[in-house]
Amino acid sequence: MNAHGDHDMGHTVAGWTGSALGILAFTTAGMGLVLASPAVLWAGAALAPAAALATWALHLAGWGKPGGPRPPHLRHWRTRDRAARHGHPDCTGCRLAGRGRRRTAAEAPVTQPPVTQPPATQSPTAVRLHRA
């Protein structure tokens, strides 16, 4: 057992690449701020979305992981996820790419309760009080 117990911490090629690019982006932007160099600051600011896009692209290519823990034999960080091409259920990145499980009409959550009409035998005053 490791120091984290039996947890799948999500060490993947996509995760490590995105983290490295994100650290590089914020380090570059910080250097630009300290050096008072707008060009270096903007270069760091441009790297941050590049880190997010690279992580997303690697996830969609199968170098990420689905949500939740993986079986122990699939936890090596360089294990490719073969199910990624079809999309992971409840994965925002997969849904943004047009992949993943879509909800059917029967699974869609009900947002508003059905509207009930008051009985027609009540007086107009009772109807107004009932709706308030």
C-alpha atoms as a PDB file:
ATOM      1  CA  MET A   1       0.000   0.000   0.000  1.00  0.00           C
ATOM      2  CA  ASN A   2       1.351   3.431  -0.833  1.00  0.00           C
ATOM      3  CA  ALA A   3       1.148   6.648   1.189  1.00  0.00           C
ATOM      4  CA  HIS A   4      -2.215   7.558  -0.334  1.00  0.00           C
ATOM      5  CA  GLY A   5      -3.942   4.271   0.393  1.00  0.00           C
ATOM      6  CA  ASP A   6      -5.824   2.567  -2.410  1.00  0.00           C
ATOM      7  CA  HIS A   7      -6.622   5.724  -4.381  1.00  0.00           C
ATOM      8  CA  ASP A   8      -6.283   6.356  -8.059  1.00  0.00           C
ATOM      9  CA  MET A   9      -4.758   9.815  -8.075  1.00  0.00           C
ATOM     10  CA  GLY A  10      -5.098  10.226 -11.844  1.00  0.00           C
ATOM     11  CA  HIS A  11      -1.448  10.224 -12.818  1.00  0.00           C
ATOM     12  CA  THR A  12      -1.746  10.227 -16.603  1.00  0.00           C
ATOM     13  CA  VAL A  13       0.174  11.587 -19.578  1.00  0.00           C
ATOM     14  CA  ALA A  14      -2.547  14.230 -20.037  1.00  0.00           C
ATOM     15  CA  GLY A  15      -2.398  15.203 -16.366  1.00  0.00           C
ATOM     16  CA  TRP A  16       1.384  15.455 -16.187  1.00  0.00           C
ATOM     17  CA  THR A  17       1.634  17.364 -19.484  1.00  0.00           C
ATOM     18  CA  GLY A  18      -1.079  19.831 -18.489  1.00  0.00           C
ATOM     19  CA  SER A  19       0.472  20.357 -15.064  1.00  0.00           C
ATOM     20  CA  ALA A  20       3.933  20.952 -16.526  1.00  0.00           C
ATOM     21  CA  LEU A  21       2.617  23.412 -19.111  1.00  0.00           C
ATOM     22  CA  GLY A  22       0.512  25.173 -16.465  1.00  0.00           C
ATOM     23  CA  ILE A  23       3.513  25.559 -14.161  1.00  0.00           C
ATOM     24  CA  LEU A  24       5.557  26.870 -17.094  1.00  0.00           C
ATOM     25  CA  ALA A  25       2.773  29.334 -17.971  1.00  0.00           C
ATOM     26  CA  PHE A  26       2.469  30.771 -14.468  1.00  0.00           C
ATOM     27  CA  THR A  27       6.235  30.838 -13.955  1.00  0.00           C
ATOM     28  CA  THR A  28       6.672  32.750 -17.219  1.00  0.00           C
ATOM     29  CA  ALA A  29       3.874  35.177 -16.360  1.00  0.00           C
ATOM     30  CA  GLY A  30       5.368  35.675 -12.886  1.00  0.00           C
ATOM     31  CA  MET A  31       8.777  36.404 -14.373  1.00  0.00           C
ATOM     32  CA  GLY A  32       7.184  38.897 -16.727  1.00  0.00           C
ATOM     33  CA  LEU A  33       5.509  40.592 -13.778  1.00  0.00           C
ATOM     34  CA  VAL A  34       8.724  40.763 -11.734  1.00  0.00           C
ATOM     35  CA  LEU A  35      10.805  41.912 -14.721  1.00  0.00           C
ATOM     36  CA  ALA A  36       8.119  44.427 -15.749  1.00  0.00           C
ATOM     37  CA  SER A  37       8.155  42.956 -19.232  1.00  0.00           C
ATOM     38  CA  PRO A  38       4.761  43.002 -20.926  1.00  0.00           C
ATOM     39  CA  ALA A  39       5.987  40.643 -23.660  1.00  0.00           C
ATOM     40  CA  VAL A  40       7.028  37.939 -21.164  1.00  0.00           C
ATOM     41  CA  LEU A  41       3.838  38.465 -19.147  1.00  0.00           C
ATOM     42  CA  TRP A  42       1.669  38.002 -22.236  1.00  0.00           C
ATOM     43  CA  ALA A  43       3.710  34.963 -23.317  1.00  0.00           C
ATOM     44  CA  GLY A  44       2.941  33.360 -19.956  1.00  0.00           C
ATOM     45  CA  ALA A  45      -0.702  34.350 -20.257  1.00  0.00           C
ATOM     46  CA  ALA A  46      -0.842  32.715 -23.709  1.00  0.00           C
ATOM     47  CA  LEU A  47       0.642  29.477 -22.368  1.00  0.00           C
ATOM     48  CA  ALA A  48      -2.164  28.961 -19.810  1.00  0.00           C
ATOM     49  CA  PRO A  49      -4.932  28.272 -22.379  1.00  0.00           C
ATOM     50  CA  ALA A  50      -2.414  26.219 -24.378  1.00  0.00           C
ATOM     51  CA  ALA A  51      -1.926  24.018 -21.294  1.00  0.00           C
ATOM     52  CA  ALA A  52      -5.666  23.498 -20.971  1.00  0.00           C
ATOM     53  CA  LEU A  53      -6.075  22.713 -24.683  1.00  0.00           C
ATOM     54  CA  ALA A  54      -3.122  20.287 -24.672  1.00  0.00           C
ATOM     55  CA  THR A  55      -4.550  18.454 -21.650  1.00  0.00           C
ATOM     56  CA  TRP A  56      -7.971  18.251 -23.283  1.00  0.00           C
ATOM     57  CA  ALA A  57      -6.533  17.004 -26.588  1.00  0.00           C
ATOM     58  CA  LEU A  58      -4.478  14.329 -24.804  1.00  0.00           C
ATOM     59  CA  HIS A  59      -7.531  13.269 -22.784  1.00  0.00           C
ATOM     60  CA  LEU A  60      -9.573  12.885 -25.969  1.00  0.00           C
ATOM     61  CA  ALA A  61      -6.696  10.933 -27.573  1.00  0.00           C
ATOM     62  CA  GLY A  62      -6.870   8.412 -24.749  1.00  0.00           C
ATOM     63  CA  TRP A  63      -3.978   9.592 -22.567  1.00  0.00           C
ATOM     64  CA  GLY A  64      -6.244  10.726 -19.734  1.00  0.00           C
ATOM     65  CA  LYS A  65      -8.590   8.715 -17.551  1.00  0.00           C
ATOM     66  CA  PRO A  66     -12.311   8.499 -16.864  1.00  0.00           C
ATOM     67  CA  GLY A  67     -13.699   9.783 -13.596  1.00  0.00           C
ATOM     68  CA  GLY A  68     -13.389   7.541 -10.553  1.00  0.00           C
ATOM     69  CA  PRO A  69     -10.768   4.984  -9.635  1.00  0.00           C
ATOM     70  CA  ARG A  70      -9.303   2.600 -12.195  1.00  0.00           C
ATOM     71  CA  PRO A  71      -8.511  -1.063 -11.588  1.00  0.00           C
ATOM     72  CA  PRO A  72      -5.016  -1.483 -10.065  1.00  0.00           C
ATOM     73  CA  HIS A  73      -3.527  -3.025 -13.241  1.00  0.00           C
ATOM     74  CA  LEU A  74      -4.501   0.105 -15.255  1.00  0.00           C
ATOM     75  CA  ARG A  75      -3.079   2.719 -12.876  1.00  0.00           C
ATOM     76  CA  HIS A  76       0.329   3.174 -14.494  1.00  0.00           C
ATOM     77  CA  TRP A  77       0.575   6.735 -15.750  1.00  0.00           C
ATOM     78  CA  ARG A  78       1.353   5.674 -19.331  1.00  0.00           C
ATOM     79  CA  THR A  79      -1.624   3.340 -19.687  1.00  0.00           C
ATOM     80  CA  ARG A  80      -3.779   4.417 -22.598  1.00  0.00           C
ATOM     81  CA  ASP A  81      -7.548   4.582 -22.115  1.00  0.00           C
ATOM     82  CA  ARG A  82      -9.107   2.706 -25.034  1.00  0.00           C
ATOM     83  CA  ALA A  83     -12.653   3.798 -24.120  1.00  0.00           C
ATOM     84  CA  ALA A  84     -11.872   7.490 -24.677  1.00  0.00           C
ATOM     85  CA  ARG A  85     -12.847   7.477 -28.343  1.00  0.00           C
ATOM     86  CA  HIS A  86     -16.464   6.814 -27.354  1.00  0.00           C
ATOM     87  CA  GLY A  87     -16.408   9.335 -24.500  1.00  0.00           C
ATOM     88  CA  HIS A  88     -16.640   8.915 -20.755  1.00  0.00           C
ATOM     89  CA  PRO A  89     -20.042   9.178 -19.065  1.00  0.00           C
ATOM     90  CA  ASP A  90     -20.455  12.415 -17.099  1.00  0.00           C
ATOM     91  CA  CYS A  91     -17.161  13.841 -18.465  1.00  0.00           C
ATOM     92  CA  THR A  92     -17.383  17.527 -19.325  1.00  0.00           C
ATOM     93  CA  GLY A  93     -14.393  17.381 -21.676  1.00  0.00           C
ATOM     94  CA  CYS A  94     -15.890  14.497 -23.624  1.00  0.00           C
ATOM     95  CA  ARG A  95     -19.279  16.214 -23.835  1.00  0.00           C
ATOM     96  CA  LEU A  96     -17.633  19.422 -25.113  1.00  0.00           C
ATOM     97  CA  ALA A  97     -16.056  17.339 -27.869  1.00  0.00           C
ATOM     98  CA  GLY A  98     -19.413  15.784 -28.760  1.00  0.00           C
ATOM     99  CA  ARG A  99     -18.590  12.410 -27.205  1.00  0.00           C
ATOM    100  CA  GLY A 100     -20.008  10.542 -24.300  1.00  0.00           C
ATOM    101  CA  ARG A 101     -23.356   9.327 -23.169  1.00  0.00           C
ATOM    102  CA  ARG A 102     -26.293  11.574 -23.864  1.00  0.00           C
ATOM    103  CA  ARG A 103     -29.366  11.553 -21.654  1.00  0.00           C
ATOM    104  CA  THR A 104     -32.582  10.271 -23.100  1.00  0.00           C
ATOM    105  CA  ALA A 105     -35.904  11.992 -22.475  1.00  0.00           C
ATOM    106  CA  ALA A 106     -36.718   9.442 -19.762  1.00  0.00           C
ATOM    107  CA  GLU A 107     -33.449  10.233 -17.927  1.00  0.00           C
ATOM    108  CA  ALA A 108     -33.742  14.013 -18.165  1.00  0.00           C
ATOM    109  CA  PRO A 109     -34.333  15.628 -14.787  1.00  0.00           C
ATOM    110  CA  VAL A 110     -37.663  17.305 -14.172  1.00  0.00           C
ATOM    111  CA  THR A 111     -36.977  20.989 -13.631  1.00  0.00           C
ATOM    112  CA  GLN A 112     -40.436  22.183 -12.614  1.00  0.00           C
ATOM    113  CA  PRO A 113     -43.294  20.363 -10.931  1.00  0.00           C
ATOM    114  CA  PRO A 114     -46.489  20.111 -12.936  1.00  0.00           C
ATOM    115  CA  VAL A 115     -48.848  23.056 -12.557  1.00  0.00           C
ATOM    116  CA  THR A 116     -52.124  22.184 -10.858  1.00  0.00           C
ATOM    117  CA  GLN A 117     -55.255  24.218 -11.453  1.00  0.00           C
ATOM    118  CA  PRO A 118     -57.525  25.083  -8.508  1.00  0.00           C
ATOM    119  CA  PRO A 119     -61.006  23.545  -8.605  1.00  0.00           C
ATOM    120  CA  ALA A 120     -63.539  25.570 -10.588  1.00  0.00           C
ATOM    121  CA  THR A 121     -66.023  25.544  -7.689  1.00  0.00           C
ATOM    122  CA  GLN A 122     -63.971  27.957  -5.577  1.00  0.00           C
ATOM    123  CA  SER A 123     -64.705  31.677  -5.426  1.00  0.00           C
ATOM    124  CA  PRO A 124     -62.398  34.132  -7.269  1.00  0.00           C
ATOM    125  CA  THR A 125     -60.992  35.319  -3.910  1.00  0.00           C
ATOM    126  CA  ALA A 126     -60.051  31.768  -2.924  1.00  0.00           C
ATOM    127  CA  VAL A 127     -58.360  31.273  -6.289  1.00  0.00           C
ATOM    128  CA  ARG A 128     -56.250  34.452  -5.796  1.00  0.00           C
ATOM    129  CA  LEU A 129     -55.251  33.328  -2.294  1.00  0.00           C
ATOM    130  CA  HIS A 130     -54.419  29.879  -3.551  1.00  0.00           C
ATOM    131  CA  ARG A 131     -51.999  31.228  -6.217  1.00  0.00           C
ATOM    132  CA  ALA A 132     -50.227  33.637  -3.868  1.00  0.00           C
END
